[in-house]
C-alpha atoms as a PDB file:
ATOM      1  CA  SER A   1      24.262   8.926  -6.513  1.00  0.00           C
ATOM      2  CA  GLN A   2      21.052   9.560  -8.409  1.00  0.00           C
ATOM      3  CA  THR A   3      22.096   7.388 -11.333  1.00  0.00           C
ATOM      4  CA  ARG A   4      22.069   4.355  -9.037  1.00  0.00           C
ATOM      5  CA  SER A   5      18.840   5.191  -7.205  1.00  0.00           C
ATOM      6  CA  THR A   6      15.740   3.135  -7.822  1.00  0.00           C
ATOM      7  CA  LEU A   7      13.590   6.218  -7.190  1.00  0.00           C
ATOM      8  CA  ILE A   8      14.394   9.868  -7.827  1.00  0.00           C
ATOM      9  CA  SER A   9      11.997  12.595  -6.656  1.00  0.00           C
ATOM     10  CA  THR A  10      11.530  16.171  -7.784  1.00  0.00           C
ATOM     11  CA  SER A  11       8.822  18.682  -6.923  1.00  0.00           C
ATOM     12  CA  LYS A  12       6.887  17.629 -10.050  1.00  0.00           C
ATOM     13  CA  ASN A  13       7.440  13.898 -10.526  1.00  0.00           C
ATOM     14  CA  ILE A  14       8.991  10.640  -9.408  1.00  0.00           C
ATOM     15  CA  SER A  15      11.464   8.838 -11.635  1.00  0.00           C
ATOM     16  CA  ILE A  16      11.235   5.080 -11.073  1.00  0.00           C
ATOM     17  CA  LEU A  17      13.945   2.703 -12.258  1.00  0.00           C
ATOM     18  CA  THR A  18      12.436  -0.030 -14.439  1.00  0.00           C
ATOM     19  CA  SER A  19      13.886  -2.685 -16.729  1.00  0.00           C
ATOM     20  CA  ASN A  20      13.611  -0.090 -19.503  1.00  0.00           C
ATOM     21  CA  GLY A  21      15.474   2.606 -17.578  1.00  0.00           C
ATOM     22  CA  HIS A  22      14.086   5.493 -15.542  1.00  0.00           C
ATOM     23  CA  VAL A  23      10.450   6.360 -16.192  1.00  0.00           C
ATOM     24  CA  LYS A  24       9.048   9.674 -14.995  1.00  0.00           C
ATOM     25  CA  VAL A  25       5.678   9.456 -13.278  1.00  0.00           C
ATOM     26  CA  PHE A  26       3.632  12.638 -12.816  1.00  0.00           C
ATOM     27  CA  PRO A  27       0.744  12.833 -10.296  1.00  0.00           C
ATOM     28  CA  ASP A  28      -1.852  14.009 -12.830  1.00  0.00           C
ATOM     29  CA  SER A  29      -0.891  11.531 -15.552  1.00  0.00           C
ATOM     30  CA  TYR A  30      -0.630   8.772 -12.946  1.00  0.00           C
ATOM     31  CA  PHE A  31      -4.327   9.221 -12.231  1.00  0.00           C
ATOM     32  CA  SER A  32      -5.564   9.794 -15.797  1.00  0.00           C
ATOM     33  CA  ASP A  33      -3.307   7.340 -17.664  1.00  0.00           C
ATOM     34  CA  VAL A  34      -2.842   4.600 -15.066  1.00  0.00           C
ATOM     35  CA  ILE A  35      -5.729   4.618 -12.599  1.00  0.00           C
ATOM     36  CA  VAL A  36      -8.639   5.623 -14.840  1.00  0.00           C
ATOM     37  CA  LYS A  37      -7.551   3.400 -17.743  1.00  0.00           C
ATOM     38  CA  SER A  38      -6.971   0.439 -15.435  1.00  0.00           C
ATOM     39  CA  PHE A  39     -10.352   0.747 -13.726  1.00  0.00           C
ATOM     40  CA  THR A  40     -12.630   0.415 -16.731  1.00  0.00           C
ATOM     41  CA  SER A  41     -16.405   0.137 -16.821  1.00  0.00           C
ATOM     42  CA  ASP A  42     -16.033  -3.608 -17.435  1.00  0.00           C
ATOM     43  CA  LEU A  43     -15.951  -3.996 -13.654  1.00  0.00           C
ATOM     44  CA  GLY A  44     -19.638  -3.082 -13.472  1.00  0.00           C
ATOM     45  CA  ASP A  45     -20.791  -1.852 -10.099  1.00  0.00           C
ATOM     46  CA  GLU A  46     -17.608  -2.917  -8.317  1.00  0.00           C
ATOM     47  CA  ASN A  47     -15.750  -0.128  -6.525  1.00  0.00           C
ATOM     48  CA  CYS A  48     -12.068   0.317  -7.329  1.00  0.00           C
ATOM     49  CA  HIS A  49      -9.503   1.583  -4.868  1.00  0.00           C
ATOM     50  CA  PHE A  50      -6.159   3.282  -5.477  1.00  0.00           C
ATOM     51  CA  VAL A  51      -3.424   4.773  -3.311  1.00  0.00           C
ATOM     52  CA  THR A  52      -2.281   8.229  -4.342  1.00  0.00           C
ATOM     53  CA  LEU A  53       1.203   8.713  -5.729  1.00  0.00           C
ATOM     54  CA  HIS A  54       3.562   9.639  -2.900  1.00  0.00           C
ATOM     55  CA  ASP A  55       7.176  10.539  -2.212  1.00  0.00           C
ATOM     56  CA  GLU A  56       8.696   8.239   0.397  1.00  0.00           C
ATOM     57  CA  PHE A  57      12.374   7.699   1.064  1.00  0.00           C
ATOM     58  CA  LYS A  58      14.502   5.377   3.161  1.00  0.00           C
ATOM     59  CA  GLU A  59      16.013   7.235   6.077  1.00  0.00           C
ATOM     60  CA  SER A  60      19.767   7.212   6.494  1.00  0.00           C
ATOM     61  CA  LEU A  61      21.235   5.460   9.523  1.00  0.00           C
ATOM     62  CA  ASN A  62      24.295   7.753   9.409  1.00  0.00           C
ATOM     63  CA  VAL A  63      24.018  10.285  12.260  1.00  0.00           C
ATOM     64  CA  ASN A  64      26.144  12.735  10.254  1.00  0.00           C
ATOM     65  CA  GLU A  65      23.422  12.914   7.615  1.00  0.00           C
ATOM     66  CA  THR A  66      20.661  13.998  10.008  1.00  0.00           C
ATOM     67  CA  PHE A  67      20.333  17.476   8.498  1.00  0.00           C
ATOM     68  CA  ASN A  68      20.021  16.190   4.952  1.00  0.00           C
ATOM     69  CA  THR A  69      17.545  13.573   6.151  1.00  0.00           C
ATOM     70  CA  ASP A  70      15.400  16.251   7.821  1.00  0.00           C
ATOM     71  CA  LYS A  71      15.369  18.326   4.640  1.00  0.00           C
ATOM     72  CA  LYS A  72      14.441  15.311   2.546  1.00  0.00           C
ATOM     73  CA  LEU A  73      11.722  14.335   4.995  1.00  0.00           C
ATOM     74  CA  LYS A  74      10.111  17.794   4.895  1.00  0.00           C
ATOM     75  CA  ALA A  75      10.296  17.838   1.096  1.00  0.00           C
ATOM     76  CA  SER A  76       8.801  14.342   0.969  1.00  0.00           C
ATOM     77  CA  ILE A  77       5.845  15.389   3.131  1.00  0.00           C
ATOM     78  CA  ALA A  78       5.226  18.606   1.166  1.00  0.00           C
ATOM     79  CA  ARG A  79       5.238  16.771  -2.170  1.00  0.00           C
ATOM     80  CA  THR A  80       3.007  13.981  -0.900  1.00  0.00           C
ATOM     81  CA  ILE A  81       0.390  16.411   0.442  1.00  0.00           C
ATOM     82  CA  ASN A  82       0.384  18.405  -2.817  1.00  0.00           C
ATOM     83  CA  TRP A  83       0.115  15.239  -4.901  1.00  0.00           C
ATOM     84  CA  ASN A  84      -2.617  13.848  -2.631  1.00  0.00           C
ATOM     85  CA  THR A  85      -4.669  17.013  -3.139  1.00  0.00           C
ATOM     86  CA  LEU A  86      -4.143  17.052  -6.900  1.00  0.00           C
ATOM     87  CA  GLN A  87      -5.094  13.404  -7.434  1.00  0.00           C
ATOM     88  CA  THR A  88      -8.133  13.401  -5.128  1.00  0.00           C
ATOM     89  CA  ASN A  89      -9.438  16.574  -6.796  1.00  0.00           C
ATOM     90  CA  LEU A  90      -9.061  14.925 -10.207  1.00  0.00           C
ATOM     91  CA  ASN A  91     -11.161  11.967  -9.095  1.00  0.00           C
ATOM     92  CA  GLU A  92     -14.716  12.666 -10.243  1.00  0.00           C
ATOM     93  CA  PHE A  93     -15.669   8.992 -10.543  1.00  0.00           C
ATOM     94  CA  ASP A  94     -18.041   7.450  -8.015  1.00  0.00           C
ATOM     95  CA  HIS A  95     -16.637   3.935  -8.471  1.00  0.00           C
ATOM     96  CA  ILE A  96     -12.980   4.945  -7.954  1.00  0.00           C
ATOM     97  CA  LYS A  97     -12.112   5.376  -4.284  1.00  0.00           C
ATOM     98  CA  SER A  98      -9.025   7.380  -3.324  1.00  0.00           C
ATOM     99  CA  TRP A  99      -6.765   6.517  -0.408  1.00  0.00           C
ATOM    100  CA  ALA A 100      -4.511   9.432   0.546  1.00  0.00           C
ATOM    101  CA  SER A 101      -0.895   8.608   1.363  1.00  0.00           C
ATOM    102  CA  VAL A 102       0.654   9.511   4.723  1.00  0.00           C
ATOM    103  CA  VAL A 103       4.458   9.636   4.982  1.00  0.00           C
ATOM    104  CA  GLY A 104       6.778  10.938   7.690  1.00  0.00           C
ATOM    105  CA  GLY A 105       9.483   8.396   8.363  1.00  0.00           C
ATOM    106  CA  SER A 106      10.100   7.225  11.920  1.00  0.00           C
ATOM    107  CA  ASP A 107       9.438  10.577  13.600  1.00  0.00           C
ATOM    108  CA  LEU A 108       6.119  10.689  15.459  1.00  0.00           C
ATOM    109  CA  THR A 109       5.737  14.476  15.177  1.00  0.00           C
ATOM    110  CA  THR A 110       6.277  14.660  11.408  1.00  0.00           C
ATOM    111  CA  ARG A 111       4.165  11.566  10.781  1.00  0.00           C
ATOM    112  CA  THR A 112       1.166  12.916  12.724  1.00  0.00           C
ATOM    113  CA  LYS A 113       1.611  16.390  11.189  1.00  0.00           C
ATOM    114  CA  CYS A 114       1.489  14.848   7.722  1.00  0.00           C
ATOM    115  CA  LEU A 115      -1.691  12.982   8.669  1.00  0.00           C
ATOM    116  CA  ARG A 116      -3.381  16.163   9.966  1.00  0.00           C
ATOM    117  CA  ASP A 117      -2.385  18.083   6.832  1.00  0.00           C
ATOM    118  CA  VAL A 118      -3.677  15.284   4.613  1.00  0.00           C
ATOM    119  CA  ILE A 119      -7.008  15.186   6.469  1.00  0.00           C
ATOM    120  CA  SER A 120      -7.498  18.950   6.132  1.00  0.00           C
ATOM    121  CA  ALA A 121      -6.293  19.184   2.514  1.00  0.00           C
ATOM    122  CA  CYS A 122      -7.921  16.152   0.934  1.00  0.00           C
ATOM    123  CA  ASN A 123     -11.648  15.770   0.451  1.00  0.00           C
ATOM    124  CA  ASN A 124     -13.563  12.900  -1.073  1.00  0.00           C
ATOM    125  CA  VAL A 125     -11.210  10.158   0.136  1.00  0.00           C
ATOM    126  CA  GLU A 126     -12.104   6.680   1.336  1.00  0.00           C
ATOM    127  CA  GLY A 127      -9.285   6.624   3.845  1.00  0.00           C
ATOM    128  CA  VAL A 128      -5.560   7.027   4.403  1.00  0.00           C
ATOM    129  CA  THR A 129      -2.636   4.726   3.713  1.00  0.00           C
ATOM    130  CA  TYR A 130       0.339   4.713   6.080  1.00  0.00           C
ATOM    131  CA  VAL A 131       3.383   4.453   3.817  1.00  0.00           C
ATOM    132  CA  GLY A 132       6.788   3.152   4.926  1.00  0.00           C
ATOM    133  CA  LEU A 133       5.899   1.931   8.431  1.00  0.00           C
ATOM    134  CA  HIS A 134       7.398  -1.482   7.654  1.00  0.00           C
ATOM    135  CA  ARG A 135      10.826   0.195   7.628  1.00  0.00           C
ATOM    136  CA  ILE A 136      10.605   0.840  11.388  1.00  0.00           C
ATOM    137  CA  ALA A 137       8.912  -2.438  12.339  1.00  0.00           C
ATOM    138  CA  GLY A 138      12.203  -3.740  13.725  1.00  0.00           C
ATOM    139  CA  ASN A 139      11.410  -1.470  16.665  1.00  0.00           C
ATOM    140  CA  ILE A 140       7.923  -2.779  17.416  1.00  0.00           C
ATOM    141  CA  SER A 141       7.338  -0.350  20.309  1.00  0.00           C
ATOM    142  CA  LEU A 142       8.061   2.646  18.035  1.00  0.00           C
ATOM    143  CA  TYR A 143       5.920   1.087  15.299  1.00  0.00           C
ATOM    144  CA  LYS A 144       3.040   0.680  17.766  1.00  0.00           C
ATOM    145  CA  SER A 145       3.471   4.215  19.136  1.00  0.00           C
ATOM    146  CA  ILE A 146       3.399   5.913  15.720  1.00  0.00           C
ATOM    147  CA  LEU A 147       0.532   3.818  14.393  1.00  0.00           C
ATOM    148  CA  GLY A 148      -1.465   4.186  17.609  1.00  0.00           C
ATOM    149  CA  ASN A 149      -1.148   7.971  17.663  1.00  0.00           C
ATOM    150  CA  CYS A 150      -2.115   8.213  13.996  1.00  0.00           C
ATOM    151  CA  GLN A 151      -5.184   6.062  14.588  1.00  0.00           C
ATOM    152  CA  LYS A 152      -6.295   8.329  17.438  1.00  0.00           C
ATOM    153  CA  ILE A 153      -6.107  11.389  15.156  1.00  0.00           C
ATOM    154  CA  LEU A 154      -7.923   9.732  12.250  1.00  0.00           C
ATOM    155  CA  PRO A 155     -11.611  10.781  11.982  1.00  0.00           C
ATOM    156  CA  GLN A 156     -14.105   7.952  12.406  1.00  0.00           C
ATOM    157  CA  HIS A 157     -15.506   8.326   8.880  1.00  0.00           C
ATOM    158  CA  LEU A 158     -12.104   7.573   7.323  1.00  0.00           C
ATOM    159  CA  LYS A 159     -10.612   4.086   7.004  1.00  0.00           C
ATOM    160  CA  SER A 160      -6.948   3.218   7.379  1.00  0.00           C
ATOM    161  CA  CYS A 161      -4.617   0.970   5.420  1.00  0.00           C
ATOM    162  CA  ILE A 162      -1.098  -0.428   5.685  1.00  0.00           C
ATOM    163  CA  LEU A 163       0.167  -1.751   2.361  1.00  0.00           C
ATOM    164  CA  GLU A 164       3.135  -3.705   3.698  1.00  0.00           C
ATOM    165  CA  THR A 165       3.753  -5.837   6.780  1.00  0.00           C
ATOM    166  CA  LYS A 166       6.658  -8.261   7.028  1.00  0.00           C
ATOM    167  CA  SER A 167       6.094  -9.940  10.386  1.00  0.00           C
ATOM    168  CA  VAL A 168       3.314 -11.508  12.428  1.00  0.00           C
ATOM    169  CA  GLU A 169       3.858  -8.851  15.110  1.00  0.00           C
ATOM    170  CA  GLU A 170       3.191  -6.018  12.643  1.00  0.00           C
ATOM    171  CA  ILE A 171      -0.042  -7.656  11.490  1.00  0.00           C
ATOM    172  CA  LEU A 172      -1.307  -8.207  15.038  1.00  0.00           C
ATOM    173  CA  VAL A 173      -0.417  -4.669  16.153  1.00  0.00           C
ATOM    174  CA  ALA A 174      -2.215  -3.212  13.121  1.00  0.00           C
ATOM    175  CA  PHE A 175      -5.291  -5.327  13.892  1.00  0.00           C
ATOM    176  CA  GLU A 176      -5.191  -4.373  17.574  1.00  0.00           C
ATOM    177  CA  LEU A 177      -5.096  -0.671  16.667  1.00  0.00           C
ATOM    178  CA  GLY A 178      -8.051  -0.938  14.295  1.00  0.00           C
ATOM    179  CA  VAL A 179      -6.401  -0.721  10.870  1.00  0.00           C
ATOM    180  CA  ASN A 180      -9.024  -1.683   8.269  1.00  0.00           C
ATOM    181  CA  VAL A 181      -6.810  -2.970   5.450  1.00  0.00           C
ATOM    182  CA  ILE A 182      -3.557  -4.825   6.155  1.00  0.00           C
ATOM    183  CA  GLY A 183      -1.301  -5.885   3.296  1.00  0.00           C
ATOM    184  CA  SER A 184       1.521  -8.369   3.765  1.00  0.00           C
ATOM    185  CA  SER A 185       4.353 -10.042   1.879  1.00  0.00           C
ATOM    186  CA  LEU A 186       5.022 -12.404   4.797  1.00  0.00           C
ATOM    187  CA  PRO A 187       3.960 -15.636   2.998  1.00  0.00           C
ATOM    188  CA  GLN A 188       6.382 -14.947   0.164  1.00  0.00           C
ATOM    189  CA  LEU A 189       9.256 -13.808   2.397  1.00  0.00           C
ATOM    190  CA  LEU A 190       9.023 -16.916   4.560  1.00  0.00           C
ATOM    191  CA  ALA A 191       8.714 -19.199   1.532  1.00  0.00           C
ATOM    192  CA  LYS A 192      11.960 -17.790   0.115  1.00  0.00           C
ATOM    193  CA  GLU A 193      13.649 -18.818   3.379  1.00  0.00           C
ATOM    194  CA  GLY A 194      12.078 -22.279   3.299  1.00  0.00           C
ATOM    195  CA  LYS A 195       9.974 -21.539   6.390  1.00  0.00           C
ATOM    196  CA  ALA A 196       6.344 -22.515   6.969  1.00  0.00           C
ATOM    197  CA  LEU A 197       4.052 -20.496   9.213  1.00  0.00           C
ATOM    198  CA  ILE A 198       1.608 -22.099  11.639  1.00  0.00           C
ATOM    199  CA  PHE A 199      -1.041 -20.175  13.563  1.00  0.00           C
ATOM    200  CA  SER A 200      -2.937 -21.452  16.565  1.00  0.00           C
ATOM    201  CA  LEU A 201      -6.094 -19.335  16.505  1.00  0.00           C
ATOM    202  CA  SER A 202      -8.252 -18.516  19.522  1.00  0.00           C
ATOM    203  CA  ASN A 203     -11.887 -17.473  19.981  1.00  0.00           C
ATOM    204  CA  ASN A 204     -10.810 -14.247  21.688  1.00  0.00           C
ATOM    205  CA  SER A 205     -11.720 -11.332  19.392  1.00  0.00           C
ATOM    206  CA  LYS A 206      -9.130  -9.077  21.071  1.00  0.00           C
ATOM    207  CA  LYS A 207      -6.369 -11.688  20.747  1.00  0.00           C
ATOM    208  CA  PRO A 208      -7.112 -13.822  17.665  1.00  0.00           C
ATOM    209  CA  VAL A 209      -3.753 -15.619  17.670  1.00  0.00           C
ATOM    210  CA  GLN A 210      -3.095 -17.909  20.610  1.00  0.00           C
ATOM    211  CA  SER A 211       0.401 -18.657  19.348  1.00  0.00           C
ATOM    212  CA  HIS A 212       2.395 -18.885  16.145  1.00  0.00           C
ATOM    213  CA  SER A 213       5.487 -20.794  15.104  1.00  0.00           C
ATOM    214  CA  PHE A 214       7.725 -21.455  12.123  1.00  0.00           C
ATOM    215  CA  ILE A 215       8.948 -24.739  10.686  1.00  0.00           C
ATOM    216  CA  ASP A 216      12.271 -24.587   8.868  1.00  0.00           C
ATOM    217  CA  LEU A 217      11.851 -27.092   6.056  1.00  0.00           C
ATOM    218  CA  LYS A 218      15.567 -26.855   5.241  1.00  0.00           C
ATOM    219  CA  ASN A 219      16.271 -28.594   8.562  1.00  0.00           C
ATOM    220  CA  PRO A 220      17.624 -32.172   8.023  1.00  0.00           C
ATOM    221  CA  ILE A 221      15.152 -33.437  10.635  1.00  0.00           C
ATOM    222  CA  CYS A 222      12.415 -32.985   7.998  1.00  0.00           C
ATOM    223  CA  ALA A 223      14.142 -35.381   5.567  1.00  0.00           C
ATOM    224  CA  ARG A 224      12.333 -38.463   6.928  1.00  0.00           C
ATOM    225  CA  ASP A 225       9.234 -36.765   8.280  1.00  0.00           C
ATOM    226  CA  LYS A 226       6.212 -38.098   6.380  1.00  0.00           C
ATOM    227  CA  SER A 227       3.714 -35.840   8.177  1.00  0.00           C
ATOM    228  CA  PRO A 228       2.268 -32.682   6.586  1.00  0.00           C
ATOM    229  CA  ILE A 229       3.489 -29.250   7.611  1.00  0.00           C
ATOM    230  CA  SER A 230       0.442 -28.993   9.870  1.00  0.00           C
ATOM    231  CA  GLY A 231      -2.016 -31.786  10.580  1.00  0.00           C
ATOM    232  CA  SER A 232      -4.867 -29.330  11.117  1.00  0.00           C
ATOM    233  CA  CYS A 233      -4.255 -27.307   7.948  1.00  0.00           C
ATOM    234  CA  GLN A 234      -6.527 -27.934   4.945  1.00  0.00           C
ATOM    235  CA  CYS A 235      -4.387 -26.226   2.303  1.00  0.00           C
ATOM    236  CA  MET A 236      -3.430 -28.136  -0.853  1.00  0.00           C
ATOM    237  CA  THR A 237       0.184 -28.453   0.315  1.00  0.00           C
ATOM    238  CA  CYS A 238      -0.725 -30.102   3.621  1.00  0.00           C
ATOM    239  CA  ARG A 239      -3.386 -32.343   2.069  1.00  0.00           C
ATOM    240  CA  ARG A 240      -1.097 -33.715  -0.642  1.00  0.00           C
ATOM    241  CA  HIS A 241       2.529 -33.424   0.401  1.00  0.00           C
ATOM    242  CA  SER A 242       4.803 -34.340   3.301  1.00  0.00           C
ATOM    243  CA  ARG A 243       7.525 -32.393   5.031  1.00  0.00           C
ATOM    244  CA  SER A 244      10.125 -34.799   3.646  1.00  0.00           C
ATOM    245  CA  TYR A 245       9.042 -34.160   0.047  1.00  0.00           C
ATOM    246  CA  ILE A 246       9.067 -30.396   0.500  1.00  0.00           C
ATOM    247  CA  HIS A 247      12.452 -30.645   2.257  1.00  0.00           C
ATOM    248  CA  HIS A 248      13.784 -32.522  -0.772  1.00  0.00           C
ATOM    249  CA  LEU A 249      12.484 -29.822  -3.141  1.00  0.00           C
ATOM    250  CA  VAL A 250      13.985 -27.027  -1.055  1.00  0.00           C
ATOM    251  CA  GLN A 251      17.363 -28.766  -0.815  1.00  0.00           C
ATOM    252  CA  CYS A 252      17.398 -29.278  -4.585  1.00  0.00           C
ATOM    253  CA  LYS A 253      16.481 -25.616  -5.049  1.00  0.00           C
ATOM    254  CA  GLU A 254      13.352 -26.557  -6.976  1.00  0.00           C
ATOM    255  CA  LEU A 255      10.940 -23.640  -7.465  1.00  0.00           C
ATOM    256  CA  LEU A 256       8.054 -25.968  -6.623  1.00  0.00           C
ATOM    257  CA  GLY A 257       9.308 -26.158  -3.039  1.00  0.00           C
ATOM    258  CA  LYS A 258       8.924 -22.415  -2.501  1.00  0.00           C
ATOM    259  CA  MET A 259       5.562 -22.457  -4.270  1.00  0.00           C
ATOM    260  CA  LEU A 260       4.165 -25.175  -1.993  1.00  0.00           C
ATOM    261  CA  ILE A 261       5.411 -23.381   1.132  1.00  0.00           C
ATOM    262  CA  PHE A 262       3.946 -20.108  -0.142  1.00  0.00           C
ATOM    263  CA  LEU A 263       0.540 -21.758  -0.688  1.00  0.00           C
ATOM    264  CA  HIS A 264       0.584 -23.049   2.879  1.00  0.00           C
ATOM    265  CA  ASN A 265       1.681 -19.705   4.351  1.00  0.00           C
ATOM    266  CA  PHE A 266      -0.908 -17.835   2.306  1.00  0.00           C
ATOM    267  CA  HIS A 267      -3.636 -20.229   3.483  1.00  0.00           C
ATOM    268  CA  GLN A 268      -2.583 -19.708   7.102  1.00  0.00           C
ATOM    269  CA  LEU A 269      -2.718 -15.934   6.689  1.00  0.00           C
ATOM    270  CA  LEU A 270      -6.128 -16.112   5.008  1.00  0.00           C
ATOM    271  CA  ASN A 271      -7.425 -18.158   7.949  1.00  0.00           C
ATOM    272  CA  LEU A 272      -6.096 -15.503  10.332  1.00  0.00           C
ATOM    273  CA  PHE A 273      -7.782 -12.643   8.456  1.00  0.00           C
ATOM    274  CA  SER A 274     -10.973 -14.652   8.104  1.00  0.00           C
ATOM    275  CA  SER A 275     -10.982 -15.182  11.862  1.00  0.00           C
ATOM    276  CA  ILE A 276     -10.337 -11.487  12.481  1.00  0.00           C
ATOM    277  CA  ASN A 277     -13.139 -10.441  10.120  1.00  0.00           C
ATOM    278  CA  SER A 278     -15.678 -12.841  11.605  1.00  0.00           C
ATOM    279  CA  GLU A 279     -14.875 -11.703  15.142  1.00  0.00           C
ATOM    280  CA  SER A 280     -15.077  -8.039  14.120  1.00  0.00           C
ATOM    281  CA  ALA A 281     -18.412  -8.433  12.304  1.00  0.00           C
END
């Protein structure tokens, strides 16, 4: 029911569930009250980037709800395109760069149609942001197909962005297909599970990761292991702490354990992106 939803959409606004109840967010006020006020002149000559307000929903897995899902998907696309146009037209600031949202669920036809409509309707944008692709990343071939087709349609003067990736495979596919900005919550997600990420990077610009692996620091085998998570890693966690110490923290459910694993995972991901950027330069 709508009373239990975290996000309720209408043709005019989105109602987001917060700790203070549902708050209605309108596209025009989102830009004027949130974006403009957040990006003040104190930033000097630095450019600021924002993603337009969009309507994106989680598709139902119930085959009996296909019709309702199709209707919701079409409504989601229509609202997103209208809101994209409104917000990009409101942006008269040179230092604020707009990124138009592209929705469309897991259907290739609707996703590419939304992208074409966004390209034709929105002027003065820095690029496009593919919203909700992480929901279909469990099917990596479908993920690659949709993203690849969208990238082929995208004009060369526009950049592309994915705000959320939750696996190494998603990150590498996005890089392979030329996505310019790749966001990820992977370091945090792995840290919550007590898992450390290790990349073995290569000098091949087309295949920057030679291999990757995970170390489960909840595993009892780590209890007497005095070595760092990775001997070649220069993060603070690996320079100062052993696997056995982190294992102890994780087993005792100490927040510090997750924090140390997160720092390591974040460092590993930064090294990957640094390698990608240097090879692409």
